[in-house]
Amino acid sequence: MKLKKLLLSVAISSCVALSPAHATEQEEETASIGELILDKAKSKLISGFGSLLADAVFGSRGPQYVMLSEASLQAIQDRVREEIVRDAEYDFIAEFRSLESSMEHYADTASHSQPDLALLTALLVKSEDVINHRALNYRYNDDYYYMADTYALAASVSIAIYTERHLEGYISKSVVSTKAHTLANTLESMLRKKKAADLPLRSGCEAPDPYDQVVEYACWLKDPYGNYLASYVVEPQYPGDSEYWDNLKDRKEAEYKRTKFDKIQAVINKLRGF
């Protein structure tokens, strides 16, 4: 019986790992890069000298923001199906790619102590185009909040560019702070709606077959879309079974919330810290 439980657990885990709705590591990683960017931006804002964008994280050797965003969008395609929305997302990725390429070029020039200041102005325009894109606008895309992790990354890039403009003497710290708080408000609204869509989780146990000699309950934990997060066969004759299932369920629920929401919240907190 224990072998059957092991095989069932492996089977469910495989299904979860392959399900697009459960590619939550993409959402977590995308927001995590935004958190890293904000840490570096805050440090430079405090020190007040040098070039933020000369850091390797903004150059060609750094994380590929567009690839992270594309992976995140793929992970939500089962929830955002309208063709018009997908077209807007592809356009969003194209604009983000243009911003990323320009930022890499600027980072290369800044790393050689010759920052392309004309390009820095263009970066500001490009970043505004990205964070104000229609794919992220509730008036155009009813499901815009699913892109909260991508918005967290885009907002962090925007603040990095604002910080660079401060370091070059174009704007004051207060302008950077005001922009960061505005972005935090928008991201917080997206996160609230994302939680409303991705919660609550549902759990239950199927009643045992009354004619079966062995009493066992097939227990499960699912997200709002019906995807399994965890599954286990509880047999009352084994004293530790119910406790094991409760612990497994709690652990999987905490992991779900961490990967879907916690990193986005961390970006919000860091934006409010500017």
C-alpha atoms as a PDB file:
ATOM      1  CA  MET A   1       0.000   0.000   0.000  1.00  0.00           C
ATOM      2  CA  LYS A   2       2.853   2.359   0.801  1.00  0.00           C
ATOM      3  CA  LEU A   3       4.355   1.631  -2.630  1.00  0.00           C
ATOM      4  CA  LYS A   4       1.047   2.609  -4.207  1.00  0.00           C
ATOM      5  CA  LYS A   5       1.162   5.920  -2.331  1.00  0.00           C
ATOM      6  CA  LEU A   6       4.680   6.577  -3.579  1.00  0.00           C
ATOM      7  CA  LEU A   7       3.723   5.861  -7.188  1.00  0.00           C
ATOM      8  CA  LEU A   8       0.648   8.082  -6.890  1.00  0.00           C
ATOM      9  CA  SER A   9       2.714  10.897  -5.444  1.00  0.00           C
ATOM     10  CA  VAL A  10       5.269  10.633  -8.275  1.00  0.00           C
ATOM     11  CA  ALA A  11       2.523  10.630 -10.893  1.00  0.00           C
ATOM     12  CA  ILE A  12       0.836  13.709  -9.469  1.00  0.00           C
ATOM     13  CA  SER A  13       4.170  15.529  -9.124  1.00  0.00           C
ATOM     14  CA  SER A  14       4.928  14.839 -12.794  1.00  0.00           C
ATOM     15  CA  CYS A  15       1.568  16.227 -13.873  1.00  0.00           C
ATOM     16  CA  VAL A  16       2.058  19.347 -11.768  1.00  0.00           C
ATOM     17  CA  ALA A  17       5.571  19.947 -13.119  1.00  0.00           C
ATOM     18  CA  LEU A  18       4.355  19.747 -16.710  1.00  0.00           C
ATOM     19  CA  SER A  19       1.249  21.883 -16.276  1.00  0.00           C
ATOM     20  CA  PRO A  20       1.605  25.436 -17.710  1.00  0.00           C
ATOM     21  CA  ALA A  21      -0.502  26.788 -14.849  1.00  0.00           C
ATOM     22  CA  HIS A  22       2.131  25.520 -12.463  1.00  0.00           C
ATOM     23  CA  ALA A  23       5.226  27.009 -14.071  1.00  0.00           C
ATOM     24  CA  THR A  24       5.301  29.234 -10.995  1.00  0.00           C
ATOM     25  CA  GLU A  25       9.072  29.208 -10.863  1.00  0.00           C
ATOM     26  CA  GLN A  26       8.980  31.464 -13.927  1.00  0.00           C
ATOM     27  CA  GLU A  27       6.800  33.983 -12.126  1.00  0.00           C
ATOM     28  CA  GLU A  28       9.025  33.851  -9.063  1.00  0.00           C
ATOM     29  CA  GLU A  29      12.280  34.209 -11.018  1.00  0.00           C
ATOM     30  CA  THR A  30      10.994  37.117 -13.092  1.00  0.00           C
ATOM     31  CA  ALA A  31       9.994  39.122 -10.015  1.00  0.00           C
ATOM     32  CA  SER A  32      13.228  38.106  -8.239  1.00  0.00           C
ATOM     33  CA  ILE A  33      15.352  39.807 -10.912  1.00  0.00           C
ATOM     34  CA  GLY A  34      13.304  42.948 -10.351  1.00  0.00           C
ATOM     35  CA  GLU A  35      14.087  42.713  -6.643  1.00  0.00           C
ATOM     36  CA  LEU A  36      17.814  42.411  -7.423  1.00  0.00           C
ATOM     37  CA  ILE A  37      17.683  45.469  -9.701  1.00  0.00           C
ATOM     38  CA  LEU A  38      15.979  47.546  -7.011  1.00  0.00           C
ATOM     39  CA  ASP A  39      18.594  46.571  -4.436  1.00  0.00           C
ATOM     40  CA  LYS A  40      21.325  47.840  -6.742  1.00  0.00           C
ATOM     41  CA  ALA A  41      19.372  50.991  -7.605  1.00  0.00           C
ATOM     42  CA  LYS A  42      18.757  51.853  -3.948  1.00  0.00           C
ATOM     43  CA  SER A  43      22.436  51.354  -3.145  1.00  0.00           C
ATOM     44  CA  LYS A  44      23.481  53.704  -5.966  1.00  0.00           C
ATOM     45  CA  LEU A  45      20.832  56.237  -5.033  1.00  0.00           C
ATOM     46  CA  ILE A  46      22.276  56.367  -1.511  1.00  0.00           C
ATOM     47  CA  SER A  47      25.898  56.600  -2.641  1.00  0.00           C
ATOM     48  CA  GLY A  48      25.030  59.238  -5.250  1.00  0.00           C
ATOM     49  CA  PHE A  49      27.883  58.683  -7.698  1.00  0.00           C
ATOM     50  CA  GLY A  50      28.988  56.437 -10.528  1.00  0.00           C
ATOM     51  CA  SER A  51      26.779  54.642 -13.046  1.00  0.00           C
ATOM     52  CA  LEU A  52      24.119  52.142 -12.032  1.00  0.00           C
ATOM     53  CA  LEU A  53      23.588  50.819 -15.553  1.00  0.00           C
ATOM     54  CA  ALA A  54      27.295  50.047 -15.899  1.00  0.00           C
ATOM     55  CA  ASP A  55      26.616  47.108 -13.557  1.00  0.00           C
ATOM     56  CA  ALA A  56      26.809  43.712 -15.287  1.00  0.00           C
ATOM     57  CA  VAL A  57      23.174  42.961 -14.444  1.00  0.00           C
ATOM     58  CA  PHE A  58      22.146  45.527 -17.075  1.00  0.00           C
ATOM     59  CA  GLY A  59      24.590  44.471 -19.778  1.00  0.00           C
ATOM     60  CA  SER A  60      24.707  41.588 -22.213  1.00  0.00           C
ATOM     61  CA  ARG A  61      26.191  39.339 -19.505  1.00  0.00           C
ATOM     62  CA  GLY A  62      23.250  39.913 -17.178  1.00  0.00           C
ATOM     63  CA  PRO A  63      19.834  38.221 -16.946  1.00  0.00           C
ATOM     64  CA  GLN A  64      17.782  38.196 -20.121  1.00  0.00           C
ATOM     65  CA  TYR A  65      14.689  40.132 -19.089  1.00  0.00           C
ATOM     66  CA  VAL A  66      12.734  39.382 -22.255  1.00  0.00           C
ATOM     67  CA  MET A  67      13.343  35.639 -22.023  1.00  0.00           C
ATOM     68  CA  LEU A  68      12.070  35.684 -18.428  1.00  0.00           C
ATOM     69  CA  SER A  69       9.013  37.673 -19.484  1.00  0.00           C
ATOM     70  CA  GLU A  70       8.283  35.383 -22.423  1.00  0.00           C
ATOM     71  CA  ALA A  71       8.492  32.325 -20.147  1.00  0.00           C
ATOM     72  CA  SER A  72       6.117  33.963 -17.679  1.00  0.00           C
ATOM     73  CA  LEU A  73       3.635  34.760 -20.440  1.00  0.00           C
ATOM     74  CA  GLN A  74       3.792  31.162 -21.656  1.00  0.00           C
ATOM     75  CA  ALA A  75       2.995  30.044 -18.108  1.00  0.00           C
ATOM     76  CA  ILE A  76      -0.283  31.982 -18.113  1.00  0.00           C
ATOM     77  CA  GLN A  77      -1.476  31.156 -21.634  1.00  0.00           C
ATOM     78  CA  ASP A  78      -3.954  28.637 -20.226  1.00  0.00           C
ATOM     79  CA  ARG A  79      -5.613  31.517 -18.370  1.00  0.00           C
ATOM     80  CA  VAL A  80      -5.345  34.252 -21.027  1.00  0.00           C
ATOM     81  CA  ARG A  81      -6.659  32.798 -24.263  1.00  0.00           C
ATOM     82  CA  GLU A  82      -8.076  35.668 -26.298  1.00  0.00           C
ATOM     83  CA  GLU A  83      -6.186  36.144 -29.544  1.00  0.00           C
ATOM     84  CA  ILE A  84      -6.313  39.929 -29.282  1.00  0.00           C
ATOM     85  CA  VAL A  85      -4.649  39.773 -25.881  1.00  0.00           C
ATOM     86  CA  ARG A  86      -1.931  37.406 -27.090  1.00  0.00           C
ATOM     87  CA  ASP A  87      -1.210  39.773 -29.954  1.00  0.00           C
ATOM     88  CA  ALA A  88      -0.813  42.628 -27.451  1.00  0.00           C
ATOM     89  CA  GLU A  89       1.523  40.469 -25.366  1.00  0.00           C
ATOM     90  CA  TYR A  90       3.717  39.746 -28.392  1.00  0.00           C
ATOM     91  CA  ASP A  91       3.852  43.472 -29.087  1.00  0.00           C
ATOM     92  CA  PHE A  92       4.738  44.074 -25.428  1.00  0.00           C
ATOM     93  CA  ILE A  93       7.611  41.586 -25.694  1.00  0.00           C
ATOM     94  CA  ALA A  94       8.873  43.320 -28.843  1.00  0.00           C
ATOM     95  CA  GLU A  95       8.955  46.680 -27.029  1.00  0.00           C
ATOM     96  CA  PHE A  96      10.604  45.112 -23.985  1.00  0.00           C
ATOM     97  CA  ARG A  97      13.210  43.541 -26.276  1.00  0.00           C
ATOM     98  CA  SER A  98      13.957  46.963 -27.783  1.00  0.00           C
ATOM     99  CA  LEU A  99      14.362  48.424 -24.291  1.00  0.00           C
ATOM    100  CA  GLU A 100      16.618  45.559 -23.223  1.00  0.00           C
ATOM    101  CA  SER A 101      18.869  45.925 -26.278  1.00  0.00           C
ATOM    102  CA  SER A 102      19.186  49.683 -25.779  1.00  0.00           C
ATOM    103  CA  MET A 103      19.963  49.228 -22.104  1.00  0.00           C
ATOM    104  CA  GLU A 104      22.682  46.698 -22.908  1.00  0.00           C
ATOM    105  CA  HIS A 105      24.247  49.180 -25.329  1.00  0.00           C
ATOM    106  CA  TYR A 106      24.107  51.963 -22.764  1.00  0.00           C
ATOM    107  CA  ALA A 107      25.592  49.650 -20.111  1.00  0.00           C
ATOM    108  CA  ASP A 108      28.498  48.859 -22.433  1.00  0.00           C
ATOM    109  CA  THR A 109      29.234  52.570 -22.981  1.00  0.00           C
ATOM    110  CA  ALA A 110      28.854  53.392 -19.279  1.00  0.00           C
ATOM    111  CA  SER A 111      31.187  50.586 -18.283  1.00  0.00           C
ATOM    112  CA  HIS A 112      33.904  52.341 -20.340  1.00  0.00           C
ATOM    113  CA  SER A 113      33.231  55.663 -18.584  1.00  0.00           C
ATOM    114  CA  GLN A 114      31.643  57.113 -21.712  1.00  0.00           C
ATOM    115  CA  PRO A 115      27.868  56.805 -21.142  1.00  0.00           C
ATOM    116  CA  ASP A 116      25.711  57.555 -24.172  1.00  0.00           C
ATOM    117  CA  LEU A 117      23.572  60.302 -22.614  1.00  0.00           C
ATOM    118  CA  ALA A 118      21.402  60.686 -25.702  1.00  0.00           C
ATOM    119  CA  LEU A 119      20.539  57.016 -25.401  1.00  0.00           C
ATOM    120  CA  LEU A 120      19.754  57.502 -21.704  1.00  0.00           C
ATOM    121  CA  THR A 121      16.938  59.868 -22.705  1.00  0.00           C
ATOM    122  CA  ALA A 122      15.683  57.304 -25.201  1.00  0.00           C
ATOM    123  CA  LEU A 123      15.738  54.652 -22.461  1.00  0.00           C
ATOM    124  CA  LEU A 124      13.349  56.759 -20.400  1.00  0.00           C
ATOM    125  CA  VAL A 125      10.885  56.919 -23.295  1.00  0.00           C
ATOM    126  CA  LYS A 126      11.213  53.207 -24.045  1.00  0.00           C
ATOM    127  CA  SER A 127      10.687  52.211 -20.402  1.00  0.00           C
ATOM    128  CA  GLU A 128       7.561  54.383 -20.182  1.00  0.00           C
ATOM    129  CA  ASP A 129       6.228  52.678 -23.332  1.00  0.00           C
ATOM    130  CA  VAL A 130       6.754  49.283 -21.688  1.00  0.00           C
ATOM    131  CA  ILE A 131       5.162  49.966 -18.295  1.00  0.00           C
ATOM    132  CA  ASN A 132       2.224  51.762 -19.957  1.00  0.00           C
ATOM    133  CA  HIS A 133       1.702  49.124 -22.641  1.00  0.00           C
ATOM    134  CA  ARG A 134      -1.883  48.139 -23.412  1.00  0.00           C
ATOM    135  CA  ALA A 135      -1.193  44.521 -22.449  1.00  0.00           C
ATOM    136  CA  LEU A 136      -0.769  45.817 -18.874  1.00  0.00           C
ATOM    137  CA  ASN A 137      -3.845  48.046 -19.028  1.00  0.00           C
ATOM    138  CA  TYR A 138      -7.078  46.830 -17.418  1.00  0.00           C
ATOM    139  CA  ARG A 139      -9.135  48.775 -19.958  1.00  0.00           C
ATOM    140  CA  TYR A 140      -7.690  46.664 -22.770  1.00  0.00           C
ATOM    141  CA  ASN A 141      -6.799  43.368 -21.092  1.00  0.00           C
ATOM    142  CA  ASP A 142      -9.252  42.052 -18.495  1.00  0.00           C
ATOM    143  CA  ASP A 143      -6.604  39.598 -17.278  1.00  0.00           C
ATOM    144  CA  TYR A 144      -3.767  42.133 -17.057  1.00  0.00           C
ATOM    145  CA  TYR A 145      -3.052  41.239 -13.421  1.00  0.00           C
ATOM    146  CA  TYR A 146      -1.665  37.850 -14.448  1.00  0.00           C
ATOM    147  CA  MET A 147       1.316  39.817 -15.766  1.00  0.00           C
ATOM    148  CA  ALA A 148       2.142  41.195 -12.301  1.00  0.00           C
ATOM    149  CA  ASP A 149       5.521  39.453 -12.189  1.00  0.00           C
ATOM    150  CA  THR A 150       6.485  40.882 -15.585  1.00  0.00           C
ATOM    151  CA  TYR A 151       5.278  44.318 -14.495  1.00  0.00           C
ATOM    152  CA  ALA A 152       7.413  43.981 -11.345  1.00  0.00           C
ATOM    153  CA  LEU A 153      10.470  43.424 -13.533  1.00  0.00           C
ATOM    154  CA  ALA A 154       9.565  46.243 -15.954  1.00  0.00           C
ATOM    155  CA  ALA A 155       8.925  48.643 -13.064  1.00  0.00           C
ATOM    156  CA  SER A 156      12.305  47.782 -11.551  1.00  0.00           C
ATOM    157  CA  VAL A 157      14.030  48.467 -14.864  1.00  0.00           C
ATOM    158  CA  SER A 158      12.194  51.801 -15.046  1.00  0.00           C
ATOM    159  CA  ILE A 159      13.464  52.785 -11.593  1.00  0.00           C
ATOM    160  CA  ALA A 160      16.990  51.771 -12.595  1.00  0.00           C
ATOM    161  CA  ILE A 161      16.769  54.180 -15.523  1.00  0.00           C
ATOM    162  CA  TYR A 162      15.382  56.932 -13.282  1.00  0.00           C
ATOM    163  CA  THR A 163      18.219  56.317 -10.842  1.00  0.00           C
ATOM    164  CA  GLU A 164      20.772  56.569 -13.657  1.00  0.00           C
ATOM    165  CA  ARG A 165      19.254  59.897 -14.680  1.00  0.00           C
ATOM    166  CA  HIS A 166      19.632  61.094 -11.099  1.00  0.00           C
ATOM    167  CA  LEU A 167      23.272  59.998 -11.036  1.00  0.00           C
ATOM    168  CA  GLU A 168      23.848  61.970 -14.249  1.00  0.00           C
ATOM    169  CA  GLY A 169      22.329  65.065 -12.650  1.00  0.00           C
ATOM    170  CA  TYR A 170      19.097  65.262 -14.634  1.00  0.00           C
ATOM    171  CA  ILE A 171      16.571  64.671 -11.827  1.00  0.00           C
ATOM    172  CA  SER A 172      16.419  64.781  -8.026  1.00  0.00           C
ATOM    173  CA  LYS A 173      16.071  61.870  -5.616  1.00  0.00           C
ATOM    174  CA  SER A 174      12.504  62.944  -4.902  1.00  0.00           C
ATOM    175  CA  VAL A 175      11.559  62.379  -8.549  1.00  0.00           C
ATOM    176  CA  VAL A 176      12.927  58.830  -8.350  1.00  0.00           C
ATOM    177  CA  SER A 177      11.051  58.247  -5.089  1.00  0.00           C
ATOM    178  CA  THR A 178       7.765  59.580  -6.465  1.00  0.00           C
ATOM    179  CA  LYS A 179       8.033  57.365  -9.535  1.00  0.00           C
ATOM    180  CA  ALA A 180       8.831  54.313  -7.398  1.00  0.00           C
ATOM    181  CA  HIS A 181       5.794  54.877  -5.191  1.00  0.00           C
ATOM    182  CA  THR A 182       3.527  55.324  -8.228  1.00  0.00           C
ATOM    183  CA  LEU A 183       4.746  52.035  -9.689  1.00  0.00           C
ATOM    184  CA  ALA A 184       4.305  50.355  -6.288  1.00  0.00           C
ATOM    185  CA  ASN A 185       0.654  51.436  -6.190  1.00  0.00           C
ATOM    186  CA  THR A 186      -0.029  49.982  -9.631  1.00  0.00           C
ATOM    187  CA  LEU A 187       1.783  46.740  -8.840  1.00  0.00           C
ATOM    188  CA  GLU A 188      -0.047  46.389  -5.530  1.00  0.00           C
ATOM    189  CA  SER A 189      -3.384  46.693  -7.319  1.00  0.00           C
ATOM    190  CA  MET A 190      -2.304  43.998  -9.795  1.00  0.00           C
ATOM    191  CA  LEU A 191      -1.210  41.701  -6.979  1.00  0.00           C
ATOM    192  CA  ARG A 192      -4.560  42.037  -5.177  1.00  0.00           C
ATOM    193  CA  LYS A 193      -6.399  40.998  -8.321  1.00  0.00           C
ATOM    194  CA  LYS A 194      -3.939  38.178  -8.984  1.00  0.00           C
ATOM    195  CA  LYS A 195      -4.522  36.791  -5.488  1.00  0.00           C
ATOM    196  CA  ALA A 196      -8.282  36.969  -6.022  1.00  0.00           C
ATOM    197  CA  ALA A 197      -7.875  34.919  -9.219  1.00  0.00           C
ATOM    198  CA  ASP A 198      -5.283  32.399  -7.984  1.00  0.00           C
ATOM    199  CA  LEU A 199      -6.892  31.815  -4.558  1.00  0.00           C
ATOM    200  CA  PRO A 200      -8.394  30.171  -2.637  1.00  0.00           C
ATOM    201  CA  LEU A 201      -6.904  26.729  -2.955  1.00  0.00           C
ATOM    202  CA  ARG A 202      -9.298  23.813  -2.580  1.00  0.00           C
ATOM    203  CA  SER A 203      -8.754  20.519  -0.795  1.00  0.00           C
ATOM    204  CA  GLY A 204     -10.779  17.406  -0.054  1.00  0.00           C
ATOM    205  CA  CYS A 205     -10.766  13.647   0.363  1.00  0.00           C
ATOM    206  CA  GLU A 206     -12.861  11.179  -1.616  1.00  0.00           C
ATOM    207  CA  ALA A 207     -14.950   8.799   0.442  1.00  0.00           C
ATOM    208  CA  PRO A 208     -13.652   5.203   0.521  1.00  0.00           C
ATOM    209  CA  ASP A 209     -15.379   2.400  -1.331  1.00  0.00           C
ATOM    210  CA  PRO A 210     -17.728   0.812   1.246  1.00  0.00           C
ATOM    211  CA  TYR A 211     -17.137  -2.609  -0.331  1.00  0.00           C
ATOM    212  CA  ASP A 212     -13.359  -2.353  -0.220  1.00  0.00           C
ATOM    213  CA  GLN A 213     -11.642  -4.330   2.510  1.00  0.00           C
ATOM    214  CA  VAL A 214      -9.051  -1.582   2.985  1.00  0.00           C
ATOM    215  CA  VAL A 215     -10.345   1.817   4.098  1.00  0.00           C
ATOM    216  CA  GLU A 216      -8.507   4.619   2.305  1.00  0.00           C
ATOM    217  CA  TYR A 217      -9.207   8.230   1.382  1.00  0.00           C
ATOM    218  CA  ALA A 218      -7.832   9.762  -1.824  1.00  0.00           C
ATOM    219  CA  CYS A 219      -6.980  13.311  -0.717  1.00  0.00           C
ATOM    220  CA  TRP A 220      -6.026  16.245  -2.956  1.00  0.00           C
ATOM    221  CA  LEU A 221      -5.108  19.920  -3.049  1.00  0.00           C
ATOM    222  CA  LYS A 222      -5.989  21.932  -6.178  1.00  0.00           C
ATOM    223  CA  ASP A 223      -5.700  25.488  -7.425  1.00  0.00           C
ATOM    224  CA  PRO A 224      -8.789  27.400  -8.694  1.00  0.00           C
ATOM    225  CA  TYR A 225      -8.162  26.052 -12.203  1.00  0.00           C
ATOM    226  CA  GLY A 226      -8.412  22.416 -11.129  1.00  0.00           C
ATOM    227  CA  ASN A 227      -4.697  21.652 -11.294  1.00  0.00           C
ATOM    228  CA  TYR A 228      -3.299  19.341  -8.624  1.00  0.00           C
ATOM    229  CA  LEU A 229      -0.776  20.779  -6.192  1.00  0.00           C
ATOM    230  CA  ALA A 230      -0.595  17.671  -4.024  1.00  0.00           C
ATOM    231  CA  SER A 231      -2.268  14.288  -3.617  1.00  0.00           C
ATOM    232  CA  TYR A 232      -2.038  11.505  -1.076  1.00  0.00           C
ATOM    233  CA  VAL A 233      -3.908   8.346  -0.082  1.00  0.00           C
ATOM    234  CA  VAL A 234      -4.744   8.472   3.614  1.00  0.00           C
ATOM    235  CA  GLU A 235      -5.291   5.125   5.328  1.00  0.00           C
ATOM    236  CA  PRO A 236      -6.717   5.511   8.840  1.00  0.00           C
ATOM    237  CA  GLN A 237      -5.086   2.246   9.950  1.00  0.00           C
ATOM    238  CA  TYR A 238      -1.741   4.038   9.722  1.00  0.00           C
ATOM    239  CA  PRO A 239      -1.707   6.517  12.670  1.00  0.00           C
ATOM    240  CA  GLY A 240       0.630   9.024  10.988  1.00  0.00           C
ATOM    241  CA  ASP A 241      -1.185   9.235   7.663  1.00  0.00           C
ATOM    242  CA  SER A 242      -3.577  12.095   8.488  1.00  0.00           C
ATOM    243  CA  GLU A 243      -0.818  14.175  10.047  1.00  0.00           C
ATOM    244  CA  TYR A 244       1.463  13.524   7.079  1.00  0.00           C
ATOM    245  CA  TRP A 245      -1.242  14.689   4.672  1.00  0.00           C
ATOM    246  CA  ASP A 246      -1.979  17.829   6.694  1.00  0.00           C
ATOM    247  CA  ASN A 247       1.719  18.726   6.735  1.00  0.00           C
ATOM    248  CA  LEU A 248       2.102  18.017   3.010  1.00  0.00           C
ATOM    249  CA  LYS A 249      -0.949  20.140   2.197  1.00  0.00           C
ATOM    250  CA  ASP A 250       0.299  23.048   4.330  1.00  0.00           C
ATOM    251  CA  ARG A 251       3.762  22.860   2.759  1.00  0.00           C
ATOM    252  CA  LYS A 252       2.422  22.854  -0.809  1.00  0.00           C
ATOM    253  CA  GLU A 253       0.061  25.744  -0.094  1.00  0.00           C
ATOM    254  CA  ALA A 254       2.897  27.800   1.389  1.00  0.00           C
ATOM    255  CA  GLU A 255       5.084  27.006  -1.638  1.00  0.00           C
ATOM    256  CA  TYR A 256       2.292  28.029  -4.010  1.00  0.00           C
ATOM    257  CA  LYS A 257       1.845  31.393  -2.290  1.00  0.00           C
ATOM    258  CA  ARG A 258       5.604  31.978  -2.099  1.00  0.00           C
ATOM    259  CA  THR A 259       6.193  31.406  -5.802  1.00  0.00           C
ATOM    260  CA  LYS A 260       3.118  33.292  -7.007  1.00  0.00           C
ATOM    261  CA  PHE A 261       2.887  36.238  -4.644  1.00  0.00           C
ATOM    262  CA  ASP A 262       5.781  36.733  -2.230  1.00  0.00           C
ATOM    263  CA  LYS A 263       8.417  37.947  -4.691  1.00  0.00           C
ATOM    264  CA  ILE A 264       5.986  40.425  -6.218  1.00  0.00           C
ATOM    265  CA  GLN A 265       5.219  41.717  -2.733  1.00  0.00           C
ATOM    266  CA  ALA A 266       8.953  42.036  -2.095  1.00  0.00           C
ATOM    267  CA  VAL A 267       9.273  44.271  -5.183  1.00  0.00           C
ATOM    268  CA  ILE A 268       6.382  46.414  -3.934  1.00  0.00           C
ATOM    269  CA  ASN A 269       8.082  46.806  -0.558  1.00  0.00           C
ATOM    270  CA  LYS A 270      11.384  47.794  -2.166  1.00  0.00           C
ATOM    271  CA  LEU A 271       9.683  50.329  -4.436  1.00  0.00           C
ATOM    272  CA  ARG A 272       8.078  51.900  -1.379  1.00  0.00           C
ATOM    273  CA  GLY A 273      11.534  52.035   0.217  1.00  0.00           C
ATOM    274  CA  PHE A 274      12.829  54.599  -2.287  1.00  0.00           C
END
